[in-house]
Protein backbone atom coordinates (compact mmCIF):
# COMPACT_ATOMS: atom_id res chain seq x y z
CA MET A 1 -0.02 0.05 0.10
CA THR A 2 1.17 3.31 -0.89
CA GLY A 3 -0.82 5.23 1.85
CA ARG A 4 -2.79 7.19 -0.89
CA PRO A 5 -6.69 6.70 -0.70
CA THR A 6 -7.84 4.70 -3.79
CA GLY A 7 -10.54 6.20 -6.32
CA ARG A 8 -9.72 9.92 -5.50
CA ARG A 9 -7.98 12.09 -7.88
CA PRO A 10 -4.84 14.16 -6.69
CA LEU A 11 -5.60 17.78 -5.77
CA ARG A 12 -4.53 20.04 -8.31
CA SER A 13 -4.61 23.83 -8.97
CA PRO A 14 -7.41 25.05 -11.58
CA GLY A 15 -6.32 25.48 -15.01
CA SER A 16 -6.23 28.99 -16.43
CA PHE A 17 -9.18 28.43 -18.34
CA ARG A 18 -11.33 27.52 -15.09
CA LEU A 19 -9.88 30.56 -13.40
CA ALA A 20 -11.05 32.92 -16.16
CA VAL A 21 -14.54 31.45 -16.07
CA VAL A 22 -14.85 32.13 -12.43
CA VAL A 23 -13.40 35.45 -12.46
CA THR A 24 -15.51 36.08 -15.38
CA ALA A 25 -18.82 34.95 -13.44
CA LEU A 26 -17.90 36.99 -10.30
CA LEU A 27 -17.47 40.12 -12.53
CA GLY A 28 -20.88 39.56 -13.85
CA VAL A 29 -22.63 38.95 -10.69
CA THR A 30 -20.98 42.05 -9.06
CA ALA A 31 -21.96 44.12 -12.19
CA CYS A 32 -25.67 43.10 -11.68
CA GLN A 33 -25.81 43.98 -8.05
CA SER A 34 -24.13 47.62 -8.23
CA THR A 35 -26.72 50.20 -6.94
CA PRO A 36 -28.18 52.94 -9.04
CA ALA A 37 -27.40 56.60 -8.20
CA PRO A 38 -29.75 57.76 -5.45
CA ALA A 39 -32.85 59.81 -6.75
CA PRO A 40 -32.96 63.44 -6.16
CA ALA A 41 -34.44 64.39 -2.73
CA SER A 42 -36.57 67.37 -4.44
CA THR A 43 -40.20 66.90 -5.20
CA SER A 44 -40.02 69.83 -7.46
CA ALA A 45 -41.27 69.56 -11.03
CA ARG A 46 -40.54 71.35 -14.00
CA ALA A 47 -43.88 73.00 -15.42
CA PRO A 48 -44.17 74.58 -18.79
CA GLY A 49 -41.90 77.34 -19.38
CA ASP A 50 -39.36 75.69 -17.09
CA ARG A 51 -41.10 76.87 -13.87
CA VAL A 52 -40.43 74.72 -10.85
CA ALA A 53 -43.58 73.39 -8.85
CA SER A 54 -44.26 75.61 -6.07
CA PRO A 55 -44.31 74.43 -2.56
CA THR A 56 -48.08 75.56 -2.32
CA GLU A 57 -48.65 73.43 -5.29
CA ILE A 58 -46.89 70.57 -3.73
CA ASP A 59 -48.85 71.01 -0.49
CA ALA A 60 -52.08 71.00 -2.29
CA ILE A 61 -51.39 67.64 -3.98
CA ARG A 62 -50.30 66.22 -0.67
CA THR A 63 -53.36 67.38 1.23
CA THR A 64 -55.84 65.89 -1.54
CA LEU A 65 -53.91 62.61 -1.38
CA ASP A 66 -53.85 62.30 2.42
CA ALA A 67 -57.69 63.12 2.56
CA VAL A 68 -58.17 60.07 0.07
CA ASN A 69 -55.77 57.91 1.68
CA ALA A 70 -57.23 58.44 5.29
CA THR A 71 -60.25 56.19 4.25
CA ALA A 72 -58.15 53.34 2.89
CA GLY A 73 -59.08 50.09 4.43
CA GLY A 74 -62.31 51.50 6.06
CA PRO A 75 -65.82 51.86 4.66
CA VAL A 76 -66.16 52.25 0.92
CA ALA A 77 -68.68 54.82 1.27
CA ASP A 78 -66.23 56.96 2.95
CA GLN A 79 -63.71 56.63 0.46
CA GLN A 80 -66.17 57.40 -2.43
CA ASP A 81 -67.31 60.54 -0.64
CA GLN A 82 -63.63 61.65 -0.42
CA LEU A 83 -62.92 60.83 -4.08
CA ILE A 84 -66.03 62.63 -5.44
CA ALA A 85 -64.92 65.58 -2.89
CA HIS A 86 -61.51 65.58 -4.55
CA VAL A 87 -62.29 65.24 -8.12
CA GLU A 88 -62.42 68.20 -10.42
CA PRO A 89 -65.75 69.94 -9.79
CA ASP A 90 -66.86 70.12 -13.29
CA ARG A 91 -65.96 66.31 -13.62
CA ARG A 92 -67.80 64.94 -10.60
CA ASP A 93 -70.79 63.50 -12.60
CA GLU A 94 -68.18 61.06 -14.27
CA MET A 95 -67.30 59.59 -10.95
CA ARG A 96 -70.86 59.19 -10.14
CA ARG A 97 -71.62 57.20 -13.24
CA CYS A 98 -68.86 54.57 -12.23
CA PRO A 99 -70.22 51.13 -10.88
CA PRO A 100 -70.68 50.62 -7.22
CA ALA A 101 -67.12 50.16 -5.49
CA THR A 102 -66.52 47.13 -3.21
CA THR A 103 -63.00 48.02 -2.33
CA THR A 104 -60.90 51.01 -1.15
CA VAL A 105 -57.49 52.30 -2.37
CA GLN A 106 -54.36 53.55 -0.76
CA LEU A 107 -52.26 55.90 -3.23
CA GLU A 108 -48.56 55.61 -2.52
CA THR A 109 -46.94 58.42 -4.65
CA VAL A 110 -43.33 58.60 -5.87
CA ASP A 111 -43.01 62.08 -5.31
CA GLN A 112 -39.58 62.39 -7.29
CA GLY A 113 -41.63 61.47 -10.28
CA LEU A 114 -43.74 64.44 -10.06
CA ARG A 115 -43.85 66.39 -13.42
CA ALA A 116 -45.90 68.97 -14.92
CA LEU A 117 -47.50 68.05 -18.23
CA PRO A 118 -47.31 70.49 -21.22
CA GLU A 119 -50.33 72.18 -22.66
CA PRO A 120 -51.96 71.06 -24.50
CA SER A 121 -51.68 67.63 -22.40
CA THR A 122 -51.68 64.19 -23.66
CA ASP A 123 -54.31 61.73 -22.26
CA PRO A 124 -52.38 59.34 -20.12
CA ALA A 125 -55.02 56.62 -20.64
CA THR A 126 -54.80 56.72 -24.46
CA GLY A 127 -51.54 58.35 -25.08
CA ALA A 128 -53.04 60.45 -27.62
CA PRO A 129 -51.11 63.63 -28.21
CA GLY A 130 -52.83 66.88 -28.60
CA ALA A 131 -55.76 65.96 -26.38
CA THR A 132 -56.56 69.25 -24.86
CA ASP A 133 -57.88 68.99 -21.03
CA ALA A 134 -60.60 71.48 -20.94
CA SER A 135 -60.44 71.43 -17.05
CA ALA A 136 -56.73 72.51 -17.13
CA ALA A 137 -57.25 75.36 -19.53
CA GLY A 138 -56.78 78.81 -18.14
CA PRO A 139 -54.33 80.76 -16.24
CA GLY A 140 -53.22 79.70 -12.79
CA THR A 141 -53.94 75.93 -13.75
CA THR A 142 -51.32 73.29 -14.13
CA THR A 143 -51.95 69.48 -14.82
CA PHE A 144 -49.35 67.45 -13.18
CA ALA A 145 -48.53 63.59 -13.51
CA LEU A 146 -47.48 61.76 -10.55
CA PRO A 147 -46.30 57.92 -10.58
CA THR A 148 -48.21 55.85 -7.93
CA LEU A 149 -48.34 52.59 -6.52
CA ILE A 150 -52.16 51.62 -5.65
CA ARG A 151 -52.78 49.39 -2.82
CA ILE A 152 -56.36 47.65 -2.94
CA PHE A 153 -58.24 47.02 0.20
CA SER A 154 -61.26 44.71 0.75
CA GLY A 155 -62.26 45.85 4.25
CA ASP A 156 -58.88 46.19 6.20
CA ARG A 157 -57.41 43.46 4.06
CA LEU A 158 -54.77 44.24 1.25
CA VAL A 159 -56.03 42.29 -1.48
CA GLY A 160 -53.97 43.71 -4.51
CA THR A 161 -51.64 46.36 -6.04
CA ASP A 162 -51.32 48.11 -9.31
CA LEU A 163 -49.19 51.01 -10.85
CA THR A 164 -50.57 54.09 -12.48
CA THR A 165 -49.84 57.56 -13.20
CA LEU A 166 -52.19 59.90 -11.47
CA ARG A 167 -53.16 63.09 -13.21
CA MET A 168 -53.62 66.07 -10.61
CA VAL A 169 -54.97 69.52 -11.75
CA VAL A 170 -53.62 72.28 -9.43
CA ARG A 171 -55.47 75.63 -9.66
CA ASP A 172 -54.46 78.97 -7.71
CA THR A 173 -57.04 80.18 -5.37
CA ASP A 174 -57.12 83.11 -2.91
CA GLY A 175 -56.07 80.63 -0.28
CA GLY A 176 -53.17 79.12 -1.97
CA GLY A 177 -53.56 76.18 -4.25
CA GLU A 178 -56.48 73.63 -4.67
CA ALA A 179 -55.34 70.01 -6.13
CA TYR A 180 -58.07 67.91 -7.95
CA LEU A 181 -57.92 64.26 -8.88
CA THR A 182 -59.02 63.45 -12.50
CA PRO A 183 -62.03 60.95 -12.37
CA PHE A 184 -61.27 57.23 -11.99
CA CYS A 185 -63.41 54.54 -10.93
CA VAL A 186 -62.68 52.02 -8.08
CA ASN A 187 -63.89 48.57 -8.33
């Protein structure tokens, strides 16, 4: 007997080909795990004419969304009342034509994505360019697009999620700004 175990191959260093494969694989994994640059902390948006969204406009949008979100996971009728109250006044009848809601929603916005839409605005539902938005016409009115994660609740139970871009119309008022949602139905 030689003292060597039988049936085993002797240990040897990996060949240059094996080493190249391992290094390439590790570089590929490392490259896929790199983190993107952090998003800017500002919630400002560039409006037509390169105007920055004012703090008043941002506060108006936040106030409207907070009022709607306060009813998420609660009674459906309470949220429907809030949605109708915060939809553009001249378009509230569109909300009343929606089928009866059976769920509530929570709107989690990506504030860094807030952007002003140029006039005439495009219809985000169809993507049709040049579709004028009659409700956003007039001085002191800006239409904003805001990327949003929608959390859907049945009672207090989360039952689904969806992604959308909310359209918010902000109008200058004597007391600052007033933000309105464009109509959408909740099922």
